[in-house]
Every structure is written in C-alpha cells, then in structure tokens.
C-alpha cells in the first residue's frame, strides 16, 4: 500500500486483510494452482515487484 505521496505506507491490519482476500480470489479462480498458497507464497511472488509483508 502507498500513501498519497507514493511512498510505501506502513502495513496495517487492512493490508493483512487485503492479502487474505487476494489469496481467496486466487484460490477461487484456480484452486489447483493456488489452493495450498499462504501469505508467504504470495509475498514470495510479489517481492520482485516491491511488495513487502511485515
């Protein structure tokens, strides 16, 4: 998540909830591919794009 200036904002409970929601969406779209994924897996694939999980 980013603040109004474009700088990375501190992770919040909302950030965690958004990650969980995205995992649910991915699983619903392709259970065979994403059904066993957890937050660490999502972080691993998003890190090259600047995403962080704290």
Protein backbone atom coordinates (compact mmCIF):
# COMPACT_ATOMS: atom_id res chain seq x y z
CA UNK A 1 0.00 0.00 0.00
CA UNK A 2 1.14 3.51 -0.69
CA UNK A 3 0.38 6.88 0.87
CA UNK A 4 -0.65 9.99 -1.09
CA UNK A 5 2.98 10.87 -1.91
CA UNK A 6 3.58 7.46 -3.48
CA UNK A 7 5.81 6.31 -0.61
CA UNK A 8 5.23 2.87 0.83
CA UNK A 9 2.91 3.05 3.81
CA UNK A 10 3.35 1.02 6.97
CA UNK A 11 1.46 -2.29 6.83
CA UNK A 12 -1.75 -2.30 8.80
CA UNK A 13 -4.43 -4.77 9.72
CA UNK A 14 -6.12 -3.66 6.49
CA UNK A 15 -3.03 -4.70 4.49
CA UNK A 16 -3.17 -8.17 6.05
CA UNK A 17 -6.88 -8.45 5.28
CA UNK A 18 -6.29 -7.40 1.68
CA UNK A 19 -3.62 -10.09 1.28
CA UNK A 20 -6.00 -12.71 2.66
CA UNK A 21 -8.76 -11.52 0.31
CA UNK A 22 -6.41 -11.77 -2.65
CA UNK A 23 -5.44 -15.30 -1.66
CA UNK A 24 -9.15 -16.21 -1.54
CA UNK A 25 -9.67 -14.70 -5.01
CA UNK A 26 -6.73 -16.57 -6.48
CA UNK A 27 -7.92 -19.83 -4.93
CA UNK A 28 -11.45 -19.31 -6.24
CA UNK A 29 -10.09 -18.62 -9.72
CA UNK A 30 -7.72 -21.61 -9.84
CA UNK A 31 -7.93 -23.98 -6.87
CA UNK A 32 -5.40 -26.40 -8.34
CA UNK A 33 -2.77 -23.66 -8.73
CA UNK A 34 -3.37 -21.59 -5.58
CA UNK A 35 -5.30 -23.81 -3.17
CA UNK A 36 -2.28 -24.52 -0.96
CA UNK A 37 -0.85 -20.98 -1.03
CA UNK A 38 -0.41 -18.96 2.13
CA UNK A 39 0.76 -15.40 2.81
CA UNK A 40 4.42 -16.41 2.45
CA UNK A 41 3.82 -17.75 -1.06
CA UNK A 42 2.05 -14.56 -2.09
CA UNK A 43 4.89 -12.49 -0.65
CA UNK A 44 7.50 -14.56 -2.50
CA UNK A 45 5.96 -13.93 -5.92
CA UNK A 46 5.22 -10.25 -5.26
CA UNK A 47 8.61 -9.26 -3.78
CA UNK A 48 10.23 -8.71 -7.21
CA UNK A 49 7.58 -6.03 -7.76
CA UNK A 50 8.35 -4.21 -4.50
CA UNK A 51 5.68 -5.76 -2.27
CA UNK A 52 6.56 -6.34 1.36
CA UNK A 53 4.86 -8.24 4.14
CA UNK A 54 5.54 -7.40 7.75
